[in-house]
Structure formats: C-alpha cells, structure tokens
Amino acid sequence: MEFEWDEDKNLANIKNHEGISFEDVTRVFNDIWAIDEDDLDHSTANEKRFTIIGLADDQLLRVTYTIISEPSAEEILRIISVRKAQSRDKENYENARNIYDR
C-alpha cells in the first residue's frame, strides 16, 4: 500500500490541526482495531471516499481518503483530510475494541 496527498493541503492541515501531518496518519492503517467505513456523505459518482478511525502512536485520528489505483495495480491511497477524533469517533472506536476484546 502506498500513500499520496496534496502537499499544500498537508501544510494547511499541520497549521490548522495541531501539527498533524498526512505522513503521520499513514500509521492509522496499521491499527488492527481501526474502524474503516465508506464515506457515503462525501462520495460522488467519480470518487468513492472512505473514513478510518484509528491510532497513530498515541493519537486517535479520523482520516478521509480515496483509493486512486487501478484494481490490477498496487493499492494507492490518497489522503484527503485528517483531524483528531471527536467524542463520537472515540466512543465508536472504544465500542469496536471492546467487541474484539471479548
């Protein structure tokens, strides 16, 4: 899996979201308890979007991304946005972890 992003959006994200860079969030995809879902509210006919909520080091983050590679190629994910998880995200994440820990 490879990642890409718009560097201008990355710099704006670092400024507006407490120093969180798009490079930092690639670790969210390694979290075995991450919640990965379709983002139906923001998807279009031309671009299917997804959100993933998971840990990157000690921060719980919510990442929006899309898959831009062809099905036969190595998967390339384009990071669209990232922010710290909000209280509802945290609750969903903890509930999902509790289900797996049973």
PDB file of N, CA and C in Angstrom:
ATOM      1  N   MET A   1       0.848  -1.165   0.000  1.00  0.00           N
ATOM      2  CA  MET A   1       0.000   0.000   0.000  1.00  0.00           C
ATOM      3  C   MET A   1       0.900   1.237   0.000  1.00  0.00           C
ATOM      4  N   GLU A   2       0.555   2.157  -0.880  1.00  0.00           N
ATOM      5  CA  GLU A   2       1.276   3.417  -0.961  1.00  0.00           C
ATOM      6  C   GLU A   2       0.310   4.560  -0.653  1.00  0.00           C
ATOM      7  N   PHE A   3       0.880   5.700  -0.296  1.00  0.00           N
ATOM      8  CA  PHE A   3       0.074   6.870   0.046  1.00  0.00           C
ATOM      9  C   PHE A   3       0.538   8.064  -0.763  1.00  0.00           C
ATOM     10  N   GLU A   4      -0.410   8.952  -1.045  1.00  0.00           N
ATOM     11  CA  GLU A   4      -0.076  10.230  -1.650  1.00  0.00           C
ATOM     12  C   GLU A   4      -1.054  11.273  -1.128  1.00  0.00           C
ATOM     13  N   TRP A   5      -0.684  12.534  -1.302  1.00  0.00           N
ATOM     14  CA  TRP A   5      -1.535  13.637  -0.855  1.00  0.00           C
ATOM     15  C   TRP A   5      -1.060  14.917  -1.519  1.00  0.00           C
ATOM     16  N   ASP A   6      -1.908  15.913  -1.440  1.00  0.00           N
ATOM     17  CA  ASP A   6      -1.581  17.251  -1.913  1.00  0.00           C
ATOM     18  C   ASP A   6      -0.755  17.931  -0.821  1.00  0.00           C
ATOM     19  N   GLU A   7       0.454  18.342  -1.160  1.00  0.00           N
ATOM     20  CA  GLU A   7       1.351  18.905  -0.146  1.00  0.00           C
ATOM     21  C   GLU A   7       0.828  20.223   0.422  1.00  0.00           C
ATOM     22  N   ASP A   8       0.147  21.032  -0.392  1.00  0.00           N
ATOM     23  CA  ASP A   8      -0.427  22.281   0.130  1.00  0.00           C
ATOM     24  C   ASP A   8      -1.490  21.983   1.190  1.00  0.00           C
ATOM     25  N   LYS A   9      -2.340  20.961   0.935  1.00  0.00           N
ATOM     26  CA  LYS A   9      -3.340  20.571   1.930  1.00  0.00           C
ATOM     27  C   LYS A   9      -2.674  20.023   3.180  1.00  0.00           C
ATOM     28  N   ASN A  10      -1.575  19.302   3.009  1.00  0.00           N
ATOM     29  CA  ASN A  10      -0.829  18.769   4.150  1.00  0.00           C
ATOM     30  C   ASN A  10      -0.318  19.910   5.029  1.00  0.00           C
ATOM     31  N   LEU A  11       0.284  20.909   4.421  1.00  0.00           N
ATOM     32  CA  LEU A  11       0.806  22.044   5.192  1.00  0.00           C
ATOM     33  C   LEU A  11      -0.316  22.801   5.901  1.00  0.00           C
ATOM     34  N   ALA A  12      -1.450  22.954   5.233  1.00  0.00           N
ATOM     35  CA  ALA A  12      -2.603  23.606   5.859  1.00  0.00           C
ATOM     36  C   ALA A  12      -3.117  22.760   7.023  1.00  0.00           C
ATOM     37  N   ASN A  13      -3.125  21.449   6.859  1.00  0.00           N
ATOM     38  CA  ASN A  13      -3.587  20.559   7.926  1.00  0.00           C
ATOM     39  C   ASN A  13      -2.682  20.662   9.148  1.00  0.00           C
ATOM     40  N   ILE A  14      -1.377  20.715   8.916  1.00  0.00           N
ATOM     41  CA  ILE A  14      -0.423  20.849  10.023  1.00  0.00           C
ATOM     42  C   ILE A  14      -0.711  22.139  10.790  1.00  0.00           C
ATOM     43  N   LYS A  15      -0.976  23.206  10.065  1.00  0.00           N
ATOM     44  CA  LYS A  15      -1.256  24.508  10.696  1.00  0.00           C
ATOM     45  C   LYS A  15      -2.588  24.510  11.438  1.00  0.00           C
ATOM     46  N   ASN A  16      -3.617  23.899  10.860  1.00  0.00           N
ATOM     47  CA  ASN A  16      -4.978  24.002  11.395  1.00  0.00           C
ATOM     48  C   ASN A  16      -5.371  22.885  12.352  1.00  0.00           C
ATOM     49  N   HIS A  17      -4.600  21.808  12.407  1.00  0.00           N
ATOM     50  CA  HIS A  17      -4.979  20.656  13.233  1.00  0.00           C
ATOM     51  C   HIS A  17      -3.843  20.198  14.144  1.00  0.00           C
ATOM     52  N   GLU A  18      -3.320  21.150  14.899  1.00  0.00           N
ATOM     53  CA  GLU A  18      -2.361  20.871  15.968  1.00  0.00           C
ATOM     54  C   GLU A  18      -1.153  20.060  15.516  1.00  0.00           C
ATOM     55  N   GLY A  19      -0.647  20.383  14.337  1.00  0.00           N
ATOM     56  CA  GLY A  19       0.595  19.773  13.874  1.00  0.00           C
ATOM     57  C   GLY A  19       0.459  18.389  13.272  1.00  0.00           C
ATOM     58  N   ILE A  20      -0.759  17.920  13.025  1.00  0.00           N
ATOM     59  CA  ILE A  20      -0.952  16.582  12.463  1.00  0.00           C
ATOM     60  C   ILE A  20      -0.684  16.633  10.956  1.00  0.00           C
ATOM     61  N   SER A  21       0.311  15.859  10.518  1.00  0.00           N
ATOM     62  CA  SER A  21       0.642  15.814   9.096  1.00  0.00           C
ATOM     63  C   SER A  21       0.031  14.579   8.449  1.00  0.00           C
ATOM     64  N   PHE A  22      -0.118  14.635   7.145  1.00  0.00           N
ATOM     65  CA  PHE A  22      -0.643  13.485   6.415  1.00  0.00           C
ATOM     66  C   PHE A  22       0.313  12.297   6.519  1.00  0.00           C
ATOM     67  N   GLU A  23       1.598  12.560   6.587  1.00  0.00           N
ATOM     68  CA  GLU A  23       2.560  11.464   6.738  1.00  0.00           C
ATOM     69  C   GLU A  23       2.348  10.730   8.062  1.00  0.00           C
ATOM     70  N   ASP A  24       2.029  11.463   9.117  1.00  0.00           N
ATOM     71  CA  ASP A  24       1.779  10.852  10.429  1.00  0.00           C
ATOM     72  C   ASP A  24       0.623   9.857  10.379  1.00  0.00           C
ATOM     73  N   VAL A  25      -0.390  10.150   9.588  1.00  0.00           N
ATOM     74  CA  VAL A  25      -1.605   9.342   9.627  1.00  0.00           C
ATOM     75  C   VAL A  25      -1.480   8.011   8.909  1.00  0.00           C
ATOM     76  N   THR A  26      -0.437   7.816   8.157  1.00  0.00           N
ATOM     77  CA  THR A  26      -0.303   6.530   7.472  1.00  0.00           C
ATOM     78  C   THR A  26      -0.266   5.382   8.480  1.00  0.00           C
ATOM     79  N   ARG A  27       0.144   5.650   9.708  1.00  0.00           N
ATOM     80  CA  ARG A  27       0.194   4.607  10.746  1.00  0.00           C
ATOM     81  C   ARG A  27      -1.201   4.157  11.192  1.00  0.00           C
ATOM     82  N   VAL A  28      -2.205   4.992  10.976  1.00  0.00           N
ATOM     83  CA  VAL A  28      -3.580   4.615  11.326  1.00  0.00           C
ATOM     84  C   VAL A  28      -3.970   3.320  10.605  1.00  0.00           C
ATOM     85  N   PHE A  29      -3.462   3.134   9.404  1.00  0.00           N
ATOM     86  CA  PHE A  29      -3.822   1.971   8.600  1.00  0.00           C
ATOM     87  C   PHE A  29      -3.199   0.676   9.129  1.00  0.00           C
ATOM     88  N   ASN A  30      -2.315   0.782  10.109  1.00  0.00           N
ATOM     89  CA  ASN A  30      -1.719  -0.399  10.753  1.00  0.00           C
ATOM     90  C   ASN A  30      -2.420  -0.778  12.054  1.00  0.00           C
ATOM     91  N   ASP A  31      -3.386   0.022  12.490  1.00  0.00           N
ATOM     92  CA  ASP A  31      -4.104  -0.232  13.737  1.00  0.00           C
ATOM     93  C   ASP A  31      -5.102  -1.378  13.509  1.00  0.00           C
ATOM     94  N   ILE A  32      -4.910  -2.486  14.187  1.00  0.00           N
ATOM     95  CA  ILE A  32      -5.778  -3.656  13.972  1.00  0.00           C
ATOM     96  C   ILE A  32      -7.212  -3.416  14.432  1.00  0.00           C
ATOM     97  N   TRP A  33      -7.440  -2.402  15.271  1.00  0.00           N
ATOM     98  CA  TRP A  33      -8.789  -2.097  15.751  1.00  0.00           C
ATOM     99  C   TRP A  33      -9.426  -0.929  15.001  1.00  0.00           C
ATOM    100  N   ALA A  34      -8.768  -0.428  13.987  1.00  0.00           N
ATOM    101  CA  ALA A  34      -9.293   0.730  13.254  1.00  0.00           C
ATOM    102  C   ALA A  34     -10.673   0.428  12.668  1.00  0.00           C
ATOM    103  N   ILE A  35     -11.493   1.456  12.633  1.00  0.00           N
ATOM    104  CA  ILE A  35     -12.824   1.378  12.024  1.00  0.00           C
ATOM    105  C   ILE A  35     -12.703   2.016  10.638  1.00  0.00           C
ATOM    106  N   ASP A  36     -12.920   1.236   9.608  1.00  0.00           N
ATOM    107  CA  ASP A  36     -12.781   1.687   8.224  1.00  0.00           C
ATOM    108  C   ASP A  36     -14.143   1.557   7.547  1.00  0.00           C
ATOM    109  N   GLU A  37     -14.702   2.681   7.095  1.00  0.00           N
ATOM    110  CA  GLU A  37     -16.061   2.674   6.547  1.00  0.00           C
ATOM    111  C   GLU A  37     -16.146   3.501   5.269  1.00  0.00           C
ATOM    112  N   ASP A  38     -17.160   3.203   4.464  1.00  0.00           N
ATOM    113  CA  ASP A  38     -17.481   4.044   3.314  1.00  0.00           C
ATOM    114  C   ASP A  38     -17.938   5.408   3.825  1.00  0.00           C
ATOM    115  N   ASP A  39     -17.547   6.468   3.155  1.00  0.00           N
ATOM    116  CA  ASP A  39     -17.999   7.820   3.476  1.00  0.00           C
ATOM    117  C   ASP A  39     -19.050   8.211   2.436  1.00  0.00           C
ATOM    118  N   LEU A  40     -20.249   7.701   2.636  1.00  0.00           N
ATOM    119  CA  LEU A  40     -21.318   7.898   1.654  1.00  0.00           C
ATOM    120  C   LEU A  40     -21.727   9.362   1.525  1.00  0.00           C
ATOM    121  N   ASP A  41     -21.593  10.136   2.599  1.00  0.00           N
ATOM    122  CA  ASP A  41     -21.990  11.545   2.565  1.00  0.00           C
ATOM    123  C   ASP A  41     -21.099  12.382   1.659  1.00  0.00           C
ATOM    124  N   HIS A  42     -19.846  11.961   1.467  1.00  0.00           N
ATOM    125  CA  HIS A  42     -18.905  12.772   0.692  1.00  0.00           C
ATOM    126  C   HIS A  42     -18.432  12.099  -0.592  1.00  0.00           C
ATOM    127  N   SER A  43     -18.889  10.894  -0.854  1.00  0.00           N
ATOM    128  CA  SER A  43     -18.541  10.210  -2.094  1.00  0.00           C
ATOM    129  C   SER A  43     -19.366  10.782  -3.242  1.00  0.00           C
ATOM    130  N   THR A  44     -18.799  10.685  -4.440  1.00  0.00           N
ATOM    131  CA  THR A  44     -19.514  11.102  -5.645  1.00  0.00           C
ATOM    132  C   THR A  44     -19.458   9.946  -6.645  1.00  0.00           C
ATOM    133  N   ALA A  45     -20.099  10.139  -7.768  1.00  0.00           N
ATOM    134  CA  ALA A  45     -20.058   9.108  -8.812  1.00  0.00           C
ATOM    135  C   ALA A  45     -18.638   8.908  -9.320  1.00  0.00           C
ATOM    136  N   ASN A  46     -17.812   9.947  -9.238  1.00  0.00           N
ATOM    137  CA  ASN A  46     -16.441   9.880  -9.744  1.00  0.00           C
ATOM    138  C   ASN A  46     -15.403   9.522  -8.687  1.00  0.00           C
ATOM    139  N   GLU A  47     -15.764   9.649  -7.414  1.00  0.00           N
ATOM    140  CA  GLU A  47     -14.780   9.402  -6.348  1.00  0.00           C
ATOM    141  C   GLU A  47     -15.463   8.796  -5.127  1.00  0.00           C
ATOM    142  N   LYS A  48     -15.120   7.564  -4.825  1.00  0.00           N
ATOM    143  CA  LYS A  48     -15.625   6.915  -3.618  1.00  0.00           C
ATOM    144  C   LYS A  48     -14.668   7.236  -2.480  1.00  0.00           C
ATOM    145  N   ARG A  49     -15.226   7.767  -1.398  1.00  0.00           N
ATOM    146  CA  ARG A  49     -14.401   8.134  -0.236  1.00  0.00           C
ATOM    147  C   ARG A  49     -14.669   7.193   0.925  1.00  0.00           C
ATOM    148  N   PHE A  50     -13.665   7.123   1.798  1.00  0.00           N
ATOM    149  CA  PHE A  50     -13.709   6.284   2.979  1.00  0.00           C
ATOM    150  C   PHE A  50     -13.209   7.087   4.172  1.00  0.00           C
ATOM    151  N   THR A  51     -13.631   6.667   5.368  1.00  0.00           N
ATOM    152  CA  THR A  51     -13.053   7.212   6.595  1.00  0.00           C
ATOM    153  C   THR A  51     -12.522   6.054   7.420  1.00  0.00           C
ATOM    154  N   ILE A  52     -11.425   6.317   8.090  1.00  0.00           N
ATOM    155  CA  ILE A  52     -10.855   5.342   9.004  1.00  0.00           C
ATOM    156  C   ILE A  52     -10.555   6.074  10.308  1.00  0.00           C
ATOM    157  N   ILE A  53     -10.934   5.447  11.412  1.00  0.00           N
ATOM    158  CA  ILE A  53     -10.652   5.988  12.749  1.00  0.00           C
ATOM    159  C   ILE A  53      -9.716   4.998  13.413  1.00  0.00           C
ATOM    160  N   GLY A  54      -8.546   5.470  13.796  1.00  0.00           N
ATOM    161  CA  GLY A  54      -7.583   4.573  14.417  1.00  0.00           C
ATOM    162  C   GLY A  54      -6.449   5.341  15.072  1.00  0.00           C
ATOM    163  N   LEU A  55      -5.586   4.576  15.719  1.00  0.00           N
ATOM    164  CA  LEU A  55      -4.465   5.155  16.443  1.00  0.00           C
ATOM    165  C   LEU A  55      -3.245   5.331  15.549  1.00  0.00           C
ATOM    166  N   ALA A  56      -2.615   6.483  15.685  1.00  0.00           N
ATOM    167  CA  ALA A  56      -1.297   6.762  15.124  1.00  0.00           C
ATOM    168  C   ALA A  56      -0.469   7.186  16.322  1.00  0.00           C
ATOM    169  N   ASP A  57       0.400   6.291  16.752  1.00  0.00           N
ATOM    170  CA  ASP A  57       1.112   6.472  18.017  1.00  0.00           C
ATOM    171  C   ASP A  57       0.066   6.577  19.128  1.00  0.00           C
ATOM    172  N   ASP A  58       0.015   7.682  19.841  1.00  0.00           N
ATOM    173  CA  ASP A  58      -0.920   7.794  20.961  1.00  0.00           C
ATOM    174  C   ASP A  58      -2.116   8.684  20.646  1.00  0.00           C
ATOM    175  N   GLN A  59      -2.303   9.038  19.366  1.00  0.00           N
ATOM    176  CA  GLN A  59      -3.413   9.905  18.988  1.00  0.00           C
ATOM    177  C   GLN A  59      -4.466   9.124  18.207  1.00  0.00           C
ATOM    178  N   LEU A  60      -5.716   9.290  18.602  1.00  0.00           N
ATOM    179  CA  LEU A  60      -6.815   8.712  17.852  1.00  0.00           C
ATOM    180  C   LEU A  60      -7.231   9.723  16.790  1.00  0.00           C
ATOM    181  N   LEU A  61      -7.164   9.304  15.516  1.00  0.00           N
ATOM    182  CA  LEU A  61      -7.399  10.210  14.400  1.00  0.00           C
ATOM    183  C   LEU A  61      -8.517   9.708  13.500  1.00  0.00           C
ATOM    184  N   ARG A  62      -9.133  10.650  12.812  1.00  0.00           N
ATOM    185  CA  ARG A  62     -10.138  10.342  11.786  1.00  0.00           C
ATOM    186  C   ARG A  62      -9.561  10.811  10.455  1.00  0.00           C
ATOM    187  N   VAL A  63      -9.418   9.888   9.516  1.00  0.00           N
ATOM    188  CA  VAL A  63      -8.794  10.161   8.227  1.00  0.00           C
ATOM    189  C   VAL A  63      -9.808   9.906   7.119  1.00  0.00           C
ATOM    190  N   THR A  64      -9.898  10.829   6.186  1.00  0.00           N
ATOM    191  CA  THR A  64     -10.700  10.637   4.977  1.00  0.00           C
ATOM    192  C   THR A  64      -9.738  10.396   3.829  1.00  0.00           C
ATOM    193  N   TYR A  65     -10.055   9.373   3.023  1.00  0.00           N
ATOM    194  CA  TYR A  65      -9.163   9.024   1.917  1.00  0.00           C
ATOM    195  C   TYR A  65      -9.959   8.422   0.771  1.00  0.00           C
ATOM    196  N   THR A  66      -9.285   8.264  -0.357  1.00  0.00           N
ATOM    197  CA  THR A  66      -9.851   7.592  -1.508  1.00  0.00           C
ATOM    198  C   THR A  66      -8.797   6.653  -2.086  1.00  0.00           C
ATOM    199  N   ILE A  67      -9.233   5.667  -2.833  1.00  0.00           N
ATOM    200  CA  ILE A  67      -8.317   4.738  -3.490  1.00  0.00           C
ATOM    201  C   ILE A  67      -8.209   5.185  -4.936  1.00  0.00           C
ATOM    202  N   ILE A  68      -6.979   5.453  -5.391  1.00  0.00           N
ATOM    203  CA  ILE A  68      -6.820   6.011  -6.736  1.00  0.00           C
ATOM    204  C   ILE A  68      -6.162   5.054  -7.723  1.00  0.00           C
ATOM    205  N   SER A  69      -5.771   3.879  -7.287  1.00  0.00           N
ATOM    206  CA  SER A  69      -5.093   2.955  -8.195  1.00  0.00           C
ATOM    207  C   SER A  69      -6.081   2.083  -8.953  1.00  0.00           C
ATOM    208  N   GLU A  70      -5.620   1.528 -10.031  1.00  0.00           N
ATOM    209  CA  GLU A  70      -6.404   0.569 -10.797  1.00  0.00           C
ATOM    210  C   GLU A  70      -6.468  -0.741 -10.018  1.00  0.00           C
ATOM    211  N   PRO A  71      -7.526  -1.528 -10.171  1.00  0.00           N
ATOM    212  CA  PRO A  71      -7.640  -2.792  -9.424  1.00  0.00           C
ATOM    213  C   PRO A  71      -6.462  -3.744  -9.617  1.00  0.00           C
ATOM    214  N   SER A  72      -5.813  -3.709 -10.764  1.00  0.00           N
ATOM    215  CA  SER A  72      -4.705  -4.629 -11.012  1.00  0.00           C
ATOM    216  C   SER A  72      -3.370  -4.107 -10.479  1.00  0.00           C
ATOM    217  N   ALA A  73      -3.322  -2.856 -10.062  1.00  0.00           N
ATOM    218  CA  ALA A  73      -2.075  -2.247  -9.599  1.00  0.00           C
ATOM    219  C   ALA A  73      -1.976  -2.304  -8.085  1.00  0.00           C
ATOM    220  N   GLU A  74      -0.778  -1.938  -7.570  1.00  0.00           N
ATOM    221  CA  GLU A  74      -0.626  -1.822  -6.123  1.00  0.00           C
ATOM    222  C   GLU A  74      -1.550  -0.717  -5.630  1.00  0.00           C
ATOM    223  N   GLU A  75      -2.154  -0.951  -4.480  1.00  0.00           N
ATOM    224  CA  GLU A  75      -3.129  -0.005  -3.943  1.00  0.00           C
ATOM    225  C   GLU A  75      -2.449   1.304  -3.543  1.00  0.00           C
ATOM    226  N   ILE A  76      -2.991   2.408  -4.054  1.00  0.00           N
ATOM    227  CA  ILE A  76      -2.518   3.745  -3.695  1.00  0.00           C
ATOM    228  C   ILE A  76      -3.680   4.483  -3.048  1.00  0.00           C
ATOM    229  N   LEU A  77      -3.465   4.936  -1.825  1.00  0.00           N
ATOM    230  CA  LEU A  77      -4.479   5.692  -1.095  1.00  0.00           C
ATOM    231  C   LEU A  77      -4.104   7.164  -1.114  1.00  0.00           C
ATOM    232  N   ARG A  78      -5.061   8.004  -1.444  1.00  0.00           N
ATOM    233  CA  ARG A  78      -4.848   9.450  -1.421  1.00  0.00           C
ATOM    234  C   ARG A  78      -5.514   9.992  -0.168  1.00  0.00           C
ATOM    235  N   ILE A  79      -4.701  10.576   0.700  1.00  0.00           N
ATOM    236  CA  ILE A  79      -5.210  11.180   1.933  1.00  0.00           C
ATOM    237  C   ILE A  79      -5.860  12.512   1.568  1.00  0.00           C
ATOM    238  N   ILE A  80      -7.102  12.685   2.012  1.00  0.00           N
ATOM    239  CA  ILE A  80      -7.853  13.902   1.713  1.00  0.00           C
ATOM    240  C   ILE A  80      -7.852  14.846   2.904  1.00  0.00           C
ATOM    241  N   SER A  81      -8.093  14.296   4.103  1.00  0.00           N
ATOM    242  CA  SER A  81      -8.105  15.133   5.302  1.00  0.00           C
ATOM    243  C   SER A  81      -7.867  14.268   6.531  1.00  0.00           C
ATOM    244  N   VAL A  82      -7.458  14.923   7.594  1.00  0.00           N
ATOM    245  CA  VAL A  82      -7.258  14.245   8.872  1.00  0.00           C
ATOM    246  C   VAL A  82      -7.490  15.245  10.000  1.00  0.00           C
ATOM    247  N   ARG A  83      -8.030  14.726  11.083  1.00  0.00           N
ATOM    248  CA  ARG A  83      -8.220  15.530  12.293  1.00  0.00           C
ATOM    249  C   ARG A  83      -8.221  14.585  13.480  1.00  0.00           C
ATOM    250  N   LYS A  84      -8.078  15.158  14.655  1.00  0.00           N
ATOM    251  CA  LYS A  84      -8.213  14.344  15.858  1.00  0.00           C
ATOM    252  C   LYS A  84      -9.640  13.820  15.939  1.00  0.00           C
ATOM    253  N   ALA A  85      -9.777  12.614  16.453  1.00  0.00           N
ATOM    254  CA  ALA A  85     -11.100  12.018  16.601  1.00  0.00           C
ATOM    255  C   ALA A  85     -11.925  12.841  17.588  1.00  0.00           C
ATOM    256  N   GLN A  86     -13.191  13.028  17.270  1.00  0.00           N
ATOM    257  CA  GLN A  86     -14.097  13.719  18.174  1.00  0.00           C
ATOM    258  C   GLN A  86     -14.728  12.704  19.121  1.00  0.00           C
ATOM    259  N   SER A  87     -15.497  13.180  20.071  1.00  0.00           N
ATOM    260  CA  SER A  87     -16.034  12.298  21.113  1.00  0.00           C
ATOM    261  C   SER A  87     -16.853  11.145  20.540  1.00  0.00           C
ATOM    262  N   ARG A  88     -17.647  11.384  19.509  1.00  0.00           N
ATOM    263  CA  ARG A  88     -18.425  10.302  18.899  1.00  0.00           C
ATOM    264  C   ARG A  88     -17.515   9.267  18.238  1.00  0.00           C
ATOM    265  N   ASP A  89     -16.456   9.746  17.592  1.00  0.00           N
ATOM    266  CA  ASP A  89     -15.476   8.841  16.982  1.00  0.00           C
ATOM    267  C   ASP A  89     -14.807   7.980  18.056  1.00  0.00           C
ATOM    268  N   LYS A  90     -14.434   8.612  19.151  1.00  0.00           N
ATOM    269  CA  LYS A  90     -13.777   7.890  20.253  1.00  0.00           C
ATOM    270  C   LYS A  90     -14.697   6.819  20.825  1.00  0.00           C
ATOM    271  N   GLU A  91     -15.959   7.165  20.996  1.00  0.00           N
ATOM    272  CA  GLU A  91     -16.929   6.211  21.536  1.00  0.00           C
ATOM    273  C   GLU A  91     -17.088   5.009  20.591  1.00  0.00           C
ATOM    274  N   ASN A  92     -17.214   5.275  19.298  1.00  0.00           N
ATOM    275  CA  ASN A  92     -17.336   4.194  18.316  1.00  0.00           C
ATOM    276  C   ASN A  92     -16.096   3.306  18.314  1.00  0.00           C
ATOM    277  N   TYR A  93     -14.936   3.914  18.398  1.00  0.00           N
ATOM    278  CA  TYR A  93     -13.679   3.168  18.403  1.00  0.00           C
ATOM    279  C   TYR A  93     -13.585   2.278  19.641  1.00  0.00           C
ATOM    280  N   GLU A  94     -13.879   2.841  20.796  1.00  0.00           N
ATOM    281  CA  GLU A  94     -13.817   2.056  22.037  1.00  0.00           C
ATOM    282  C   GLU A  94     -14.831   0.924  22.033  1.00  0.00           C
ATOM    283  N   ASN A  95     -16.031   1.181  21.536  1.00  0.00           N
ATOM    284  CA  ASN A  95     -17.036   0.116  21.443  1.00  0.00           C
ATOM    285  C   ASN A  95     -16.571  -1.004  20.532  1.00  0.00           C
ATOM    286  N   ALA A  96     -15.966  -0.655  19.406  1.00  0.00           N
ATOM    287  CA  ALA A  96     -15.464  -1.675  18.481  1.00  0.00           C
ATOM    288  C   ALA A  96     -14.332  -2.474  19.122  1.00  0.00           C
ATOM    289  N   ARG A  97     -13.449  -1.809  19.829  1.00  0.00           N
ATOM    290  CA  ARG A  97     -12.350  -2.526  20.506  1.00  0.00           C
ATOM    291  C   ARG A  97     -12.888  -3.476  21.564  1.00  0.00           C
ATOM    292  N   ASN A  98     -13.902  -3.038  22.286  1.00  0.00           N
ATOM    293  CA  ASN A  98     -14.488  -3.888  23.323  1.00  0.00           C
ATOM    294  C   ASN A  98     -15.101  -5.143  22.720  1.00  0.00           C
ATOM    295  N   ILE A  99     -15.699  -5.018  21.541  1.00  0.00           N
ATOM    296  CA  ILE A  99     -16.267  -6.187  20.873  1.00  0.00           C
ATOM    297  C   ILE A  99     -15.153  -7.163  20.515  1.00  0.00           C
ATOM    298  N   TYR A 100     -14.041  -6.680  19.994  1.00  0.00           N
ATOM    299  CA  TYR A 100     -12.931  -7.546  19.606  1.00  0.00           C
ATOM    300  C   TYR A 100     -12.221  -8.162  20.799  1.00  0.00           C
ATOM    301  N   ASP A 101     -12.220  -7.449  21.926  1.00  0.00           N
ATOM    302  CA  ASP A 101     -11.507  -7.928  23.114  1.00  0.00           C
ATOM    303  C   ASP A 101     -12.282  -8.982  23.889  1.00  0.00           C
ATOM    304  N   ARG A 102     -13.526  -9.225  23.532  1.00  0.00           N
ATOM    305  CA  ARG A 102     -14.343 -10.197  24.274  1.00  0.00           C
ATOM    306  C   ARG A 102     -13.872 -11.605  24.024  1.00  0.00           C
TER     307      ARG A 102
END
